Amino acid sequence: MSQEELKSSGVDLLKMEDMTAKSADGRPLVGWHPTRKALGALVNSKGGWAMLRTVVWKMIHGIKRKLYDQVILVEDHGVYVVLLDEEGNVGLVESERNIGPRLFPTMGKGFVKRLDDEGLWDKQVARFGRMTWEVPMGITRVNSATEEGLALDGGRDIAYRETGAIALHGMAVAVPYLWAHPVFIATGQPVVVAVVDTEKSMVGQSHDLRMTIGRFQFFSPEEVQGLIEAGTLVDMKTIAALAVCGVDVAVPRVRGFIFDTIEDAKE
């Protein structure tokens, strides 16, 4: 059995027949559509995303100069949710993500050009699709009168949908905005931290059938470090969110290298 057959999810390049196809739940398969409001843009209004083609400019000697074109992504409001139990363990969900290894892992400059020149995009995307541990995150379904209220209400919404964690001892906004990729994603999302009342919560049961979620589990900080080192927690947003909420995510091997290198430099 091939690696592709063993995978539980993945991606394929879009084909013409996909434009009118239905998804497994009966909805239109294609949700991204061009808009007349912005040249070259694709908008997925139901999902809450827009991919815009923009032109980057800078003021040079008092004159506005156009430098290059840039694709950016604009999102509806979402939240990264750091869930802790009463013992300080971290709640993570196992999610299917369209990520994977490069087709030419030792090639630096020219990698994308080679894929395009040789028509290898189908082979590259065939390598995408794997499970990874993450903090609960997503686009919220709620609105609020204030940004803080939206972050907190959105955090409760995400926690309930992804984990069943409906009973909380308390929740706070850790940072108002965290940018996942400042080059391509133009809108930030807040990080909230909450302590779960595990006795009153139906922890581990997702309440959104469209969520591609495997398991929900609490991990000690040391176990989180192990997941990072093993390559089963690779989401940088998760690692950053845990760090700002006080979770020690430093891999012991790296911590040892830094300590030894600094000590050697002092001698």
Protein backbone atom coordinates (compact mmCIF):
# COMPACT_ATOMS: atom_id res chain seq x y z
CA MET A 1 0.00 0.00 0.00
CA SER A 2 1.37 3.42 -0.99
CA GLN A 3 1.93 6.32 1.41
CA GLU A 4 -0.90 8.21 -0.30
CA GLU A 5 -3.29 5.30 0.32
CA LEU A 6 -2.28 5.23 4.00
CA LYS A 7 -3.05 8.93 4.52
CA SER A 8 -6.39 9.90 6.06
CA SER A 9 -6.54 13.22 4.18
CA GLY A 10 -4.77 15.24 1.53
CA VAL A 11 -5.16 17.74 -1.31
CA ASP A 12 -5.35 17.55 -5.11
CA LEU A 13 -4.97 20.29 -7.67
CA LEU A 14 -8.28 21.91 -8.65
CA LYS A 15 -9.80 20.55 -11.86
CA MET A 16 -12.54 21.94 -14.10
CA GLU A 17 -15.04 19.27 -13.00
CA ASP A 18 -14.53 20.41 -9.39
CA MET A 19 -16.09 23.79 -10.19
CA THR A 20 -19.61 22.30 -10.24
CA ALA A 21 -19.08 19.35 -7.91
CA LYS A 22 -20.57 18.81 -4.46
CA SER A 23 -18.60 18.10 -1.30
CA ALA A 24 -19.17 15.07 0.93
CA ASP A 25 -21.77 17.00 2.96
CA GLY A 26 -23.72 18.11 -0.12
CA ARG A 27 -22.47 21.70 -0.26
CA PRO A 28 -20.79 23.18 -3.35
CA LEU A 29 -17.21 21.94 -3.39
CA VAL A 30 -15.72 25.25 -4.53
CA GLY A 31 -16.19 28.15 -2.13
CA TRP A 32 -13.55 30.54 -3.49
CA HIS A 33 -14.81 32.81 -6.26
CA PRO A 34 -13.51 35.89 -8.10
CA THR A 35 -14.92 39.26 -7.07
CA ARG A 36 -15.48 42.36 -9.17
CA LYS A 37 -14.53 44.54 -6.21
CA ALA A 38 -10.77 43.78 -6.38
CA LEU A 39 -8.67 42.79 -9.39
CA GLY A 40 -7.42 39.20 -9.27
CA ALA A 41 -8.94 38.55 -5.84
CA LEU A 42 -10.64 35.36 -4.66
CA VAL A 43 -13.23 35.56 -1.89
CA ASN A 44 -14.74 32.81 0.26
CA SER A 45 -17.43 34.77 2.06
CA LYS A 46 -18.98 31.74 3.80
CA GLY A 47 -15.65 30.57 5.17
CA GLY A 48 -14.59 34.10 6.01
CA TRP A 49 -11.47 34.53 3.89
CA ALA A 50 -10.30 36.68 0.99
CA MET A 51 -7.12 36.38 -1.04
CA LEU A 52 -6.21 39.79 -2.44
CA ARG A 53 -3.63 40.73 -5.05
CA THR A 54 -1.98 43.91 -3.86
CA VAL A 55 0.93 46.20 -4.79
CA VAL A 56 3.48 47.07 -2.12
CA TRP A 57 4.72 50.67 -2.09
CA LYS A 58 7.08 52.85 -0.07
CA MET A 59 7.76 56.56 0.18
CA ILE A 60 11.19 57.18 -1.34
CA HIS A 61 12.47 60.76 -1.13
CA GLY A 62 8.91 61.94 -0.58
CA ILE A 63 7.53 60.11 -3.61
CA LYS A 64 5.24 57.06 -3.47
CA ARG A 65 7.01 54.26 -5.36
CA LYS A 66 5.47 50.91 -6.26
CA LEU A 67 7.85 48.03 -5.52
CA TYR A 68 6.24 44.66 -6.27
CA ASP A 69 2.94 42.78 -6.22
CA GLN A 70 1.96 40.72 -3.18
CA VAL A 71 -0.79 38.22 -2.39
CA ILE A 72 -2.31 38.73 1.07
CA LEU A 73 -5.00 36.87 2.99
CA VAL A 74 -7.73 38.66 4.98
CA GLU A 75 -9.75 36.62 7.49
CA ASP A 76 -12.90 36.93 9.55
CA HIS A 77 -12.26 37.26 13.28
CA GLY A 78 -10.88 34.12 14.89
CA VAL A 79 -9.24 33.08 18.16
CA TYR A 80 -6.36 30.91 19.36
CA VAL A 81 -7.45 29.22 22.60
CA VAL A 82 -4.95 27.95 25.17
CA LEU A 83 -6.81 25.54 27.46
CA LEU A 84 -5.28 24.42 30.75
CA ASP A 85 -6.65 21.94 33.23
CA GLU A 86 -6.48 22.37 36.98
CA GLU A 87 -2.99 20.79 37.04
CA GLY A 88 -1.56 23.15 34.41
CA ASN A 89 -1.63 20.61 31.60
CA VAL A 90 -2.24 21.89 28.06
CA GLY A 91 -5.26 20.89 25.98
CA LEU A 92 -4.43 20.20 22.32
CA VAL A 93 -6.52 19.01 19.39
CA GLU A 94 -5.22 16.77 16.63
CA SER A 95 -6.11 18.38 13.32
CA GLU A 96 -5.70 17.47 9.66
CA ARG A 97 -3.64 20.11 7.86
CA ASN A 98 -2.52 20.51 4.27
CA ILE A 99 1.18 20.50 5.06
CA GLY A 100 4.02 18.19 4.17
CA PRO A 101 7.60 17.80 2.97
CA ARG A 102 9.04 19.51 -0.08
CA LEU A 103 9.50 17.40 -3.20
CA PHE A 104 13.17 18.42 -3.27
CA PRO A 105 14.08 18.78 0.42
CA THR A 106 17.72 19.74 -0.18
CA MET A 107 16.99 22.45 -2.76
CA GLY A 108 16.92 26.07 -1.60
CA LYS A 109 16.77 28.86 -4.17
CA GLY A 110 14.82 27.95 -7.30
CA PHE A 111 12.63 25.28 -5.66
CA VAL A 112 9.31 26.86 -6.64
CA LYS A 113 10.58 27.75 -10.12
CA ARG A 114 11.57 24.13 -10.73
CA LEU A 115 8.14 22.88 -9.67
CA ASP A 116 6.52 25.30 -12.10
CA ASP A 117 8.96 24.80 -14.98
CA GLU A 118 8.70 21.01 -14.79
CA GLY A 119 4.96 20.91 -14.08
CA LEU A 120 5.41 19.11 -10.77
CA TRP A 121 2.67 20.81 -8.73
CA ASP A 122 0.54 17.65 -8.67
CA LYS A 123 3.45 15.65 -7.26
CA GLN A 124 4.15 18.34 -4.67
CA VAL A 125 0.59 18.66 -3.38
CA ALA A 126 0.34 14.86 -3.21
CA ARG A 127 2.84 15.09 -0.35
CA PHE A 128 0.58 17.41 1.65
CA GLY A 129 -1.86 16.23 4.31
CA ARG A 130 -1.01 15.09 7.83
CA MET A 131 -2.21 15.23 11.42
CA THR A 132 -0.66 17.72 13.84
CA TRP A 133 -1.34 18.76 17.42
CA GLU A 134 -2.54 22.35 17.88
CA VAL A 135 -4.31 24.59 20.35
CA PRO A 136 -8.00 24.96 19.47
CA MET A 137 -8.33 27.71 16.87
CA GLY A 138 -10.65 28.90 14.16
CA ILE A 139 -13.04 31.51 12.84
CA THR A 140 -15.69 32.45 15.39
CA ARG A 141 -19.44 32.45 14.81
CA VAL A 142 -20.17 35.25 17.28
CA ASN A 143 -20.19 39.05 17.37
CA SER A 144 -19.65 41.41 20.31
CA ALA A 145 -19.76 45.09 21.22
CA THR A 146 -16.04 45.19 22.10
CA GLU A 147 -12.84 43.59 20.82
CA GLU A 148 -12.18 42.01 24.22
CA GLY A 149 -15.71 40.67 24.35
CA LEU A 150 -15.32 39.22 20.86
CA ALA A 151 -12.07 37.51 21.84
CA LEU A 152 -13.59 35.98 24.98
CA ASP A 153 -16.94 35.01 23.46
CA GLY A 154 -15.13 33.71 20.38
CA GLY A 155 -12.77 31.72 22.56
CA ARG A 156 -15.67 30.04 24.34
CA ASP A 157 -17.27 29.29 20.96
CA ILE A 158 -14.09 27.68 19.60
CA ALA A 159 -13.47 25.74 22.82
CA TYR A 160 -16.99 24.31 22.76
CA ARG A 161 -16.97 23.40 19.08
CA GLU A 162 -13.53 21.81 19.02
CA THR A 163 -13.25 20.17 22.43
CA GLY A 164 -16.59 20.19 24.24
CA ALA A 165 -14.95 22.27 26.98
CA ILE A 166 -18.05 24.23 27.93
CA ALA A 167 -17.36 24.73 31.65
CA LEU A 168 -14.48 27.08 32.45
CA HIS A 169 -13.12 28.34 35.76
CA GLY A 170 -12.07 31.54 33.98
CA MET A 171 -10.82 33.03 30.73
CA ALA A 172 -8.62 36.03 29.88
CA VAL A 173 -7.14 37.65 26.79
CA ALA A 174 -3.41 36.85 26.72
CA VAL A 175 -2.54 39.07 23.76
CA PRO A 176 -5.04 41.03 21.64
CA TYR A 177 -3.46 40.07 18.31
CA LEU A 178 -1.01 37.49 17.01
CA TRP A 179 -0.09 37.43 13.31
CA ALA A 180 0.33 33.92 11.92
CA HIS A 181 2.38 35.04 8.91
CA PRO A 182 2.92 38.82 8.64
CA VAL A 183 4.04 38.58 5.01
CA PHE A 184 0.92 36.91 3.65
CA ILE A 185 -1.77 37.09 6.37
CA ALA A 186 -2.76 40.71 6.96
CA THR A 187 -5.19 40.30 9.86
CA GLY A 188 -4.21 39.21 13.36
CA GLN A 189 -6.13 37.04 15.82
CA PRO A 190 -6.20 37.18 19.63
CA VAL A 191 -4.88 34.56 22.01
CA VAL A 192 -7.06 33.70 25.01
CA VAL A 193 -6.17 31.46 27.92
CA ALA A 194 -8.71 29.53 29.99
CA VAL A 195 -8.74 27.01 32.81
CA VAL A 196 -11.16 24.16 32.15
CA ASP A 197 -13.46 22.70 34.76
CA THR A 198 -12.79 19.12 33.71
CA GLU A 199 -15.44 17.62 36.00
CA LYS A 200 -18.25 19.64 34.43
CA SER A 201 -17.03 19.60 30.82
CA MET A 202 -17.62 17.03 28.09
CA VAL A 203 -13.96 17.31 27.14
CA GLY A 204 -12.92 15.45 24.02
CA GLN A 205 -16.11 15.61 21.97
CA SER A 206 -16.13 17.96 18.98
CA HIS A 207 -19.44 19.74 18.35
CA ASP A 208 -18.76 20.77 14.76
CA LEU A 209 -18.96 17.97 12.21
CA ARG A 210 -17.15 20.05 9.60
CA MET A 211 -14.12 20.43 11.87
CA THR A 212 -11.33 18.09 10.76
CA ILE A 213 -10.42 17.06 14.28
CA GLY A 214 -9.07 13.77 15.50
CA ARG A 215 -8.48 13.73 19.26
CA PHE A 216 -8.40 16.16 22.16
CA GLN A 217 -5.93 15.49 24.94
CA PHE A 218 -4.19 17.20 27.84
CA PHE A 219 -0.40 17.16 27.87
CA SER A 220 2.08 18.21 30.53
CA PRO A 221 4.57 20.94 29.50
CA GLU A 222 7.27 18.27 29.31
CA GLU A 223 5.07 16.19 26.99
CA VAL A 224 4.45 19.27 24.82
CA GLN A 225 8.22 19.69 24.52
CA GLY A 226 8.38 16.06 23.43
CA LEU A 227 5.71 16.60 20.76
CA ILE A 228 7.68 19.54 19.36
CA GLU A 229 10.93 17.59 19.31
CA ALA A 230 9.20 14.57 17.70
CA GLY A 231 7.69 16.75 14.96
CA THR A 232 4.07 16.01 15.86
CA LEU A 233 3.45 19.58 17.04
CA VAL A 234 4.71 21.80 14.23
CA ASP A 235 2.28 24.73 14.23
CA MET A 236 4.16 27.93 15.02
CA LYS A 237 0.97 29.74 16.07
CA THR A 238 0.40 27.09 18.72
CA ILE A 239 3.96 27.29 20.00
CA ALA A 240 3.78 31.10 20.18
CA ALA A 241 0.37 31.04 21.89
CA LEU A 242 1.61 28.56 24.50
CA ALA A 243 4.72 30.64 25.12
CA VAL A 244 2.83 33.90 25.74
CA CYS A 245 0.58 32.01 28.17
CA GLY A 246 3.55 30.89 30.22
CA VAL A 247 3.89 27.31 29.02
CA ASP A 248 7.53 26.21 28.80
CA VAL A 249 7.92 25.04 25.20
CA ALA A 250 11.72 25.08 25.10
CA VAL A 251 13.05 21.77 23.82
CA PRO A 252 15.58 20.45 26.39
CA ARG A 253 18.15 19.63 23.70
CA VAL A 254 18.04 23.19 22.39
CA ARG A 255 18.07 24.67 25.87
CA GLY A 256 21.21 22.65 26.60
CA PHE A 257 22.87 23.81 23.39
CA ILE A 258 22.15 27.48 24.18
CA PHE A 259 23.42 27.15 27.76
CA ASP A 260 26.61 25.33 26.74
CA THR A 261 27.33 27.75 23.88
CA ILE A 262 26.90 30.81 26.10
CA GLU A 263 29.10 29.28 28.82
CA ASP A 264 31.78 28.46 26.26
CA ALA A 265 31.62 32.01 24.91
CA LYS A 266 32.25 33.41 28.41
CA GLU A 267 35.49 31.44 28.81
